[in-house]
Amino acid sequence: MVTYLIIGALVLWSAIYSFKKIFPQSAFKVFSALARGCEQRGWMTLAKWLRPAIAAGCSGGCGCSADTSSQPKKVTVQAVKWK
């Protein structure tokens, strides 16, 4: 019985994690709606836990940054020390 609970929790966590990675905009909308529903019922702690973080940059979930200054980074050359 306990093993079923553990396996069920792992499957549920995996499904939520995959949903967030594959559909970031839909996941943002779903978790925002869940957080609003919890706030209306007075469950502030659960609402704070469910509320998604605001994405920086274009908020498309693509991982781009809002910083438009693209300065090339200097590559430091290090000498190889043979032992």
PDB file of N, CA and C in Angstrom:
ATOM      1  N   MET A   1       0.825  -1.188   0.000  1.00  0.00           N
ATOM      2  CA  MET A   1       0.000   0.000   0.000  1.00  0.00           C
ATOM      3  C   MET A   1       0.875   1.260   0.000  1.00  0.00           C
ATOM      4  N   VAL A   2       1.915   1.271   0.810  1.00  0.00           N
ATOM      5  CA  VAL A   2       2.802   2.429   0.874  1.00  0.00           C
ATOM      6  C   VAL A   2       3.560   2.587  -0.440  1.00  0.00           C
ATOM      7  N   THR A   3       3.922   1.484  -1.053  1.00  0.00           N
ATOM      8  CA  THR A   3       4.656   1.564  -2.323  1.00  0.00           C
ATOM      9  C   THR A   3       3.796   2.216  -3.404  1.00  0.00           C
ATOM     10  N   TYR A   4       2.485   1.936  -3.385  1.00  0.00           N
ATOM     11  CA  TYR A   4       1.588   2.565  -4.360  1.00  0.00           C
ATOM     12  C   TYR A   4       1.533   4.075  -4.149  1.00  0.00           C
ATOM     13  N   LEU A   5       1.546   4.514  -2.912  1.00  0.00           N
ATOM     14  CA  LEU A   5       1.536   5.947  -2.632  1.00  0.00           C
ATOM     15  C   LEU A   5       2.829   6.607  -3.100  1.00  0.00           C
ATOM     16  N   ILE A   6       3.951   5.943  -2.870  1.00  0.00           N
ATOM     17  CA  ILE A   6       5.240   6.495  -3.294  1.00  0.00           C
ATOM     18  C   ILE A   6       5.326   6.554  -4.812  1.00  0.00           C
ATOM     19  N   ILE A   7       4.920   5.484  -5.466  1.00  0.00           N
ATOM     20  CA  ILE A   7       4.956   5.450  -6.935  1.00  0.00           C
ATOM     21  C   ILE A   7       3.994   6.477  -7.511  1.00  0.00           C
ATOM     22  N   GLY A   8       2.820   6.604  -6.919  1.00  0.00           N
ATOM     23  CA  GLY A   8       1.851   7.597  -7.384  1.00  0.00           C
ATOM     24  C   GLY A   8       2.378   9.013  -7.229  1.00  0.00           C
ATOM     25  N   ALA A   9       3.033   9.304  -6.114  1.00  0.00           N
ATOM     26  CA  ALA A   9       3.610  10.632  -5.899  1.00  0.00           C
ATOM     27  C   ALA A   9       4.714  10.915  -6.917  1.00  0.00           C
ATOM     28  N   LEU A  10       5.550   9.925  -7.203  1.00  0.00           N
ATOM     29  CA  LEU A  10       6.618  10.104  -8.193  1.00  0.00           C
ATOM     30  C   LEU A  10       6.071  10.326  -9.596  1.00  0.00           C
ATOM     31  N   VAL A  11       5.032   9.582  -9.956  1.00  0.00           N
ATOM     32  CA  VAL A  11       4.423   9.743 -11.280  1.00  0.00           C
ATOM     33  C   VAL A  11       3.772  11.117 -11.402  1.00  0.00           C
ATOM     34  N   LEU A  12       3.079  11.552 -10.353  1.00  0.00           N
ATOM     35  CA  LEU A  12       2.440  12.866 -10.362  1.00  0.00           C
ATOM     36  C   LEU A  12       3.483  13.975 -10.468  1.00  0.00           C
ATOM     37  N   TRP A  13       4.559  13.878  -9.687  1.00  0.00           N
ATOM     38  CA  TRP A  13       5.621  14.880  -9.750  1.00  0.00           C
ATOM     39  C   TRP A  13       6.253  14.909 -11.139  1.00  0.00           C
ATOM     40  N   SER A  14       6.485  13.736 -11.731  1.00  0.00           N
ATOM     41  CA  SER A  14       7.080  13.671 -13.068  1.00  0.00           C
ATOM     42  C   SER A  14       6.171  14.290 -14.114  1.00  0.00           C
ATOM     43  N   ALA A  15       4.870  14.053 -13.990  1.00  0.00           N
ATOM     44  CA  ALA A  15       3.917  14.625 -14.943  1.00  0.00           C
ATOM     45  C   ALA A  15       3.884  16.148 -14.834  1.00  0.00           C
ATOM     46  N   ILE A  16       3.890  16.674 -13.619  1.00  0.00           N
ATOM     47  CA  ILE A  16       3.882  18.128 -13.435  1.00  0.00           C
ATOM     48  C   ILE A  16       5.176  18.740 -13.951  1.00  0.00           C
ATOM     49  N   TYR A  17       6.303  18.119 -13.641  1.00  0.00           N
ATOM     50  CA  TYR A  17       7.600  18.614 -14.099  1.00  0.00           C
ATOM     51  C   TYR A  17       7.668  18.632 -15.627  1.00  0.00           C
ATOM     52  N   SER A  18       7.210  17.559 -16.267  1.00  0.00           N
ATOM     53  CA  SER A  18       7.223  17.489 -17.731  1.00  0.00           C
ATOM     54  C   SER A  18       6.285  18.523 -18.339  1.00  0.00           C
ATOM     55  N   PHE A  19       5.125  18.706 -17.721  1.00  0.00           N
ATOM     56  CA  PHE A  19       4.159  19.690 -18.204  1.00  0.00           C
ATOM     57  C   PHE A  19       4.765  21.090 -18.172  1.00  0.00           C
ATOM     58  N   LYS A  20       5.493  21.407 -17.107  1.00  0.00           N
ATOM     59  CA  LYS A  20       6.124  22.727 -17.004  1.00  0.00           C
ATOM     60  C   LYS A  20       7.218  22.913 -18.051  1.00  0.00           C
ATOM     61  N   LYS A  21       7.961  21.849 -18.356  1.00  0.00           N
ATOM     62  CA  LYS A  21       9.064  21.955 -19.316  1.00  0.00           C
ATOM     63  C   LYS A  21       8.576  21.972 -20.761  1.00  0.00           C
ATOM     64  N   ILE A  22       7.548  21.197 -21.062  1.00  0.00           N
ATOM     65  CA  ILE A  22       7.091  21.073 -22.446  1.00  0.00           C
ATOM     66  C   ILE A  22       6.150  22.207 -22.831  1.00  0.00           C
ATOM     67  N   PHE A  23       5.259  22.605 -21.918  1.00  0.00           N
ATOM     68  CA  PHE A  23       4.285  23.654 -22.180  1.00  0.00           C
ATOM     69  C   PHE A  23       4.423  24.783 -21.150  1.00  0.00           C
ATOM     70  N   PRO A  24       5.458  25.621 -21.248  1.00  0.00           N
ATOM     71  CA  PRO A  24       5.687  26.628 -20.194  1.00  0.00           C
ATOM     72  C   PRO A  24       4.585  27.684 -20.106  1.00  0.00           C
ATOM     73  N   GLN A  25       4.050  28.143 -21.235  1.00  0.00           N
ATOM     74  CA  GLN A  25       3.013  29.174 -21.188  1.00  0.00           C
ATOM     75  C   GLN A  25       1.706  28.614 -20.640  1.00  0.00           C
ATOM     76  N   SER A  26       1.340  27.423 -21.051  1.00  0.00           N
ATOM     77  CA  SER A  26       0.123  26.799 -20.536  1.00  0.00           C
ATOM     78  C   SER A  26       0.262  26.493 -19.047  1.00  0.00           C
ATOM     79  N   ALA A  27       1.435  26.043 -18.632  1.00  0.00           N
ATOM     80  CA  ALA A  27       1.665  25.752 -17.221  1.00  0.00           C
ATOM     81  C   ALA A  27       1.574  27.026 -16.391  1.00  0.00           C
ATOM     82  N   PHE A  28       2.078  28.138 -16.925  1.00  0.00           N
ATOM     83  CA  PHE A  28       1.992  29.417 -16.223  1.00  0.00           C
ATOM     84  C   PHE A  28       0.527  29.800 -16.015  1.00  0.00           C
ATOM     85  N   LYS A  29      -0.284  29.649 -17.054  1.00  0.00           N
ATOM     86  CA  LYS A  29      -1.707  29.992 -16.947  1.00  0.00           C
ATOM     87  C   LYS A  29      -2.431  29.078 -15.966  1.00  0.00           C
ATOM     88  N   VAL A  30      -2.151  27.797 -16.020  1.00  0.00           N
ATOM     89  CA  VAL A  30      -2.817  26.834 -15.139  1.00  0.00           C
ATOM     90  C   VAL A  30      -2.464  27.084 -13.684  1.00  0.00           C
ATOM     91  N   PHE A  31      -1.180  27.266 -13.395  1.00  0.00           N
ATOM     92  CA  PHE A  31      -0.767  27.458 -12.010  1.00  0.00           C
ATOM     93  C   PHE A  31      -1.196  28.827 -11.484  1.00  0.00           C
ATOM     94  N   SER A  32      -1.295  29.827 -12.379  1.00  0.00           N
ATOM     95  CA  SER A  32      -1.818  31.124 -11.950  1.00  0.00           C
ATOM     96  C   SER A  32      -3.296  31.001 -11.580  1.00  0.00           C
ATOM     97  N   ALA A  33      -4.056  30.269 -12.383  1.00  0.00           N
ATOM     98  CA  ALA A  33      -5.475  30.078 -12.085  1.00  0.00           C
ATOM     99  C   ALA A  33      -5.660  29.283 -10.785  1.00  0.00           C
ATOM    100  N   LEU A  34      -4.840  28.275 -10.566  1.00  0.00           N
ATOM    101  CA  LEU A  34      -4.918  27.514  -9.315  1.00  0.00           C
ATOM    102  C   LEU A  34      -4.589  28.393  -8.113  1.00  0.00           C
ATOM    103  N   ALA A  35      -3.595  29.260  -8.269  1.00  0.00           N
ATOM    104  CA  ALA A  35      -3.210  30.153  -7.173  1.00  0.00           C
ATOM    105  C   ALA A  35      -4.321  31.157  -6.871  1.00  0.00           C
ATOM    106  N   ARG A  36      -4.960  31.692  -7.921  1.00  0.00           N
ATOM    107  CA  ARG A  36      -6.084  32.612  -7.704  1.00  0.00           C
ATOM    108  C   ARG A  36      -7.235  31.920  -6.998  1.00  0.00           C
ATOM    109  N   GLY A  37      -7.531  30.687  -7.370  1.00  0.00           N
ATOM    110  CA  GLY A  37      -8.595  29.925  -6.715  1.00  0.00           C
ATOM    111  C   GLY A  37      -8.294  29.667  -5.250  1.00  0.00           C
ATOM    112  N   CYS A  38      -7.040  29.393  -4.945  1.00  0.00           N
ATOM    113  CA  CYS A  38      -6.656  29.175  -3.547  1.00  0.00           C
ATOM    114  C   CYS A  38      -6.741  30.468  -2.748  1.00  0.00           C
ATOM    115  N   GLU A  39      -6.399  31.597  -3.371  1.00  0.00           N
ATOM    116  CA  GLU A  39      -6.506  32.885  -2.683  1.00  0.00           C
ATOM    117  C   GLU A  39      -7.958  33.224  -2.372  1.00  0.00           C
ATOM    118  N   GLN A  40      -8.862  32.898  -3.284  1.00  0.00           N
ATOM    119  CA  GLN A  40     -10.281  33.179  -3.057  1.00  0.00           C
ATOM    120  C   GLN A  40     -10.839  32.347  -1.906  1.00  0.00           C
ATOM    121  N   ARG A  41     -10.289  31.169  -1.700  1.00  0.00           N
ATOM    122  CA  ARG A  41     -10.748  30.314  -0.604  1.00  0.00           C
ATOM    123  C   ARG A  41     -10.024  30.620   0.711  1.00  0.00           C
ATOM    124  N   GLY A  42      -9.014  31.495   0.652  1.00  0.00           N
ATOM    125  CA  GLY A  42      -8.298  31.887   1.855  1.00  0.00           C
ATOM    126  C   GLY A  42      -7.071  31.047   2.157  1.00  0.00           C
ATOM    127  N   TRP A  43      -6.641  30.235   1.229  1.00  0.00           N
ATOM    128  CA  TRP A  43      -5.461  29.391   1.417  1.00  0.00           C
ATOM    129  C   TRP A  43      -4.236  30.123   0.872  1.00  0.00           C
ATOM    130  N   MET A  44      -3.779  31.111   1.612  1.00  0.00           N
ATOM    131  CA  MET A  44      -2.711  31.983   1.123  1.00  0.00           C
ATOM    132  C   MET A  44      -1.369  31.264   0.989  1.00  0.00           C
ATOM    133  N   THR A  45      -1.059  30.372   1.909  1.00  0.00           N
ATOM    134  CA  THR A  45       0.224  29.670   1.849  1.00  0.00           C
ATOM    135  C   THR A  45       0.292  28.768   0.617  1.00  0.00           C
ATOM    136  N   LEU A  46      -0.792  28.050   0.350  1.00  0.00           N
ATOM    137  CA  LEU A  46      -0.831  27.193  -0.836  1.00  0.00           C
ATOM    138  C   LEU A  46      -0.813  28.032  -2.109  1.00  0.00           C
ATOM    139  N   ALA A  47      -1.497  29.174  -2.099  1.00  0.00           N
ATOM    140  CA  ALA A  47      -1.506  30.056  -3.269  1.00  0.00           C
ATOM    141  C   ALA A  47      -0.113  30.595  -3.550  1.00  0.00           C
ATOM    142  N   LYS A  48       0.621  30.960  -2.495  1.00  0.00           N
ATOM    143  CA  LYS A  48       1.980  31.468  -2.670  1.00  0.00           C
ATOM    144  C   LYS A  48       2.892  30.373  -3.218  1.00  0.00           C
ATOM    145  N   TRP A  49       2.660  29.130  -2.786  1.00  0.00           N
ATOM    146  CA  TRP A  49       3.474  28.014  -3.245  1.00  0.00           C
ATOM    147  C   TRP A  49       3.176  27.669  -4.706  1.00  0.00           C
ATOM    148  N   LEU A  50       1.905  27.805  -5.110  1.00  0.00           N
ATOM    149  CA  LEU A  50       1.512  27.455  -6.474  1.00  0.00           C
ATOM    150  C   LEU A  50       1.821  28.550  -7.496  1.00  0.00           C
ATOM    151  N   ARG A  51       1.861  29.806  -7.054  1.00  0.00           N
ATOM    152  CA  ARG A  51       2.049  30.910  -7.992  1.00  0.00           C
ATOM    153  C   ARG A  51       3.390  30.776  -8.696  1.00  0.00           C
ATOM    154  N   PRO A  52       3.384  30.786 -10.042  1.00  0.00           N
ATOM    155  CA  PRO A  52       4.637  30.642 -10.785  1.00  0.00           C
ATOM    156  C   PRO A  52       5.461  31.925 -10.718  1.00  0.00           C
ATOM    157  N   ALA A  53       6.756  31.761 -10.853  1.00  0.00           N
ATOM    158  CA  ALA A  53       7.659  32.905 -10.870  1.00  0.00           C
ATOM    159  C   ALA A  53       7.539  33.604 -12.212  1.00  0.00           C
ATOM    160  N   ILE A  54       7.639  34.917 -12.193  1.00  0.00           N
ATOM    161  CA  ILE A  54       7.552  35.687 -13.420  1.00  0.00           C
ATOM    162  C   ILE A  54       8.858  35.511 -14.186  1.00  0.00           C
ATOM    163  N   ALA A  55       8.737  35.143 -15.449  1.00  0.00           N
ATOM    164  CA  ALA A  55       9.917  34.882 -16.270  1.00  0.00           C
ATOM    165  C   ALA A  55      10.572  36.193 -16.683  1.00  0.00           C
ATOM    166  N   ALA A  56      11.881  36.225 -16.656  1.00  0.00           N
ATOM    167  CA  ALA A  56      12.626  37.388 -17.108  1.00  0.00           C
ATOM    168  C   ALA A  56      12.822  37.299 -18.612  1.00  0.00           C
ATOM    169  N   GLY A  57      12.950  38.415 -19.254  1.00  0.00           N
ATOM    170  CA  GLY A  57      13.187  38.428 -20.685  1.00  0.00           C
ATOM    171  C   GLY A  57      11.895  38.536 -21.451  1.00  0.00           C
ATOM    172  N   CYS A  58      11.777  37.778 -22.503  1.00  0.00           N
ATOM    173  CA  CYS A  58      10.604  37.882 -23.369  1.00  0.00           C
ATOM    174  C   CYS A  58       9.413  37.121 -22.808  1.00  0.00           C
ATOM    175  N   SER A  59       9.572  36.422 -21.722  1.00  0.00           N
ATOM    176  CA  SER A  59       8.546  35.631 -21.037  1.00  0.00           C
ATOM    177  C   SER A  59       7.902  34.596 -21.948  1.00  0.00           C
ATOM    178  N   GLY A  60       8.655  34.158 -22.908  1.00  0.00           N
ATOM    179  CA  GLY A  60       8.163  33.114 -23.781  1.00  0.00           C
ATOM    180  C   GLY A  60       8.612  31.740 -23.333  1.00  0.00           C
ATOM    181  N   GLY A  61       9.393  31.684 -22.275  1.00  0.00           N
ATOM    182  CA  GLY A  61       9.868  30.411 -21.786  1.00  0.00           C
ATOM    183  C   GLY A  61      11.008  29.831 -22.603  1.00  0.00           C
ATOM    184  N   CYS A  62      11.623  30.676 -23.436  1.00  0.00           N
ATOM    185  CA  CYS A  62      12.675  30.169 -24.314  1.00  0.00           C
ATOM    186  C   CYS A  62      14.061  30.290 -23.700  1.00  0.00           C
ATOM    187  N   GLY A  63      14.172  30.990 -22.583  1.00  0.00           N
ATOM    188  CA  GLY A  63      15.457  31.122 -21.924  1.00  0.00           C
ATOM    189  C   GLY A  63      16.266  32.315 -22.376  1.00  0.00           C
ATOM    190  N   CYS A  64      15.691  33.193 -23.194  1.00  0.00           N
ATOM    191  CA  CYS A  64      16.426  34.380 -23.619  1.00  0.00           C
ATOM    192  C   CYS A  64      16.375  35.430 -22.515  1.00  0.00           C
ATOM    193  N   SER A  65      17.325  36.304 -22.499  1.00  0.00           N
ATOM    194  CA  SER A  65      17.367  37.323 -21.457  1.00  0.00           C
ATOM    195  C   SER A  65      16.871  38.652 -22.001  1.00  0.00           C
ATOM    196  N   ALA A  66      16.520  39.554 -21.089  1.00  0.00           N
ATOM    197  CA  ALA A  66      16.040  40.875 -21.477  1.00  0.00           C
ATOM    198  C   ALA A  66      17.195  41.811 -21.806  1.00  0.00           C
ATOM    199  N   ASP A  67      18.403  41.424 -21.481  1.00  0.00           N
ATOM    200  CA  ASP A  67      19.571  42.255 -21.720  1.00  0.00           C
ATOM    201  C   ASP A  67      19.902  42.253 -23.204  1.00  0.00           C
ATOM    202  N   THR A  68      19.827  43.423 -23.840  1.00  0.00           N
ATOM    203  CA  THR A  68      20.077  43.506 -25.280  1.00  0.00           C
ATOM    204  C   THR A  68      21.535  43.799 -25.600  1.00  0.00           C
ATOM    205  N   SER A  69      22.327  44.185 -24.614  1.00  0.00           N
ATOM    206  CA  SER A  69      23.731  44.467 -24.878  1.00  0.00           C
ATOM    207  C   SER A  69      24.492  43.146 -24.976  1.00  0.00           C
ATOM    208  N   SER A  70      24.937  42.854 -26.163  1.00  0.00           N
ATOM    209  CA  SER A  70      25.647  41.590 -26.379  1.00  0.00           C
ATOM    210  C   SER A  70      27.132  41.884 -26.535  1.00  0.00           C
ATOM    211  N   GLN A  71      27.830  41.916 -25.429  1.00  0.00           N
ATOM    212  CA  GLN A  71      29.260  42.131 -25.462  1.00  0.00           C
ATOM    213  C   GLN A  71      29.940  40.766 -25.462  1.00  0.00           C
ATOM    214  N   PRO A  72      30.855  40.558 -26.387  1.00  0.00           N
ATOM    215  CA  PRO A  72      31.532  39.256 -26.418  1.00  0.00           C
ATOM    216  C   PRO A  72      32.405  39.087 -25.172  1.00  0.00           C
ATOM    217  N   LYS A  73      32.368  37.911 -24.614  1.00  0.00           N
ATOM    218  CA  LYS A  73      33.168  37.624 -23.436  1.00  0.00           C
ATOM    219  C   LYS A  73      34.590  37.265 -23.867  1.00  0.00           C
ATOM    220  N   LYS A  74      35.544  37.747 -23.081  1.00  0.00           N
ATOM    221  CA  LYS A  74      36.933  37.451 -23.388  1.00  0.00           C
ATOM    222  C   LYS A  74      37.261  36.032 -22.952  1.00  0.00           C
ATOM    223  N   VAL A  75      37.967  35.336 -23.799  1.00  0.00           N
ATOM    224  CA  VAL A  75      38.389  33.978 -23.498  1.00  0.00           C
ATOM    225  C   VAL A  75      39.787  34.051 -22.907  1.00  0.00           C
ATOM    226  N   THR A  76      39.921  33.527 -21.727  1.00  0.00           N
ATOM    227  CA  THR A  76      41.245  33.535 -21.109  1.00  0.00           C
ATOM    228  C   THR A  76      41.993  32.277 -21.525  1.00  0.00           C
ATOM    229  N   VAL A  77      43.221  32.479 -21.972  1.00  0.00           N
ATOM    230  CA  VAL A  77      44.056  31.376 -22.401  1.00  0.00           C
ATOM    231  C   VAL A  77      44.952  30.991 -21.233  1.00  0.00           C
ATOM    232  N   GLN A  78      44.906  29.727 -20.882  1.00  0.00           N
ATOM    233  CA  GLN A  78      45.727  29.256 -19.778  1.00  0.00           C
ATOM    234  C   GLN A  78      46.785  28.286 -20.317  1.00  0.00           C
ATOM    235  N   ALA A  79      47.949  28.384 -19.733  1.00  0.00           N
ATOM    236  CA  ALA A  79      49.047  27.516 -20.142  1.00  0.00           C
ATOM    237  C   ALA A  79      48.831  26.122 -19.571  1.00  0.00           C
ATOM    238  N   VAL A  80      49.243  25.121 -20.346  1.00  0.00           N
ATOM    239  CA  VAL A  80      49.133  23.730 -19.910  1.00  0.00           C
ATOM    240  C   VAL A  80      50.405  23.370 -19.164  1.00  0.00           C
ATOM    241  N   LYS A  81      50.263  22.853 -17.974  1.00  0.00           N
ATOM    242  CA  LYS A  81      51.417  22.449 -17.181  1.00  0.00           C
ATOM    243  C   LYS A  81      51.517  20.923 -17.214  1.00  0.00           C
ATOM    244  N   TRP A  82      52.609  20.451 -17.755  1.00  0.00           N
ATOM    245  CA  TRP A  82      52.835  19.011 -17.834  1.00  0.00           C
ATOM    246  C   TRP A  82      53.551  18.552 -16.587  1.00  0.00           C
ATOM    247  N   LYS A  83      53.160  17.451 -16.079  1.00  0.00           N
ATOM    248  CA  LYS A  83      53.799  16.896 -14.882  1.00  0.00           C
ATOM    249  C   LYS A  83      54.700  15.750 -15.231  1.00  0.00           C
TER     250      LYS A  83
END
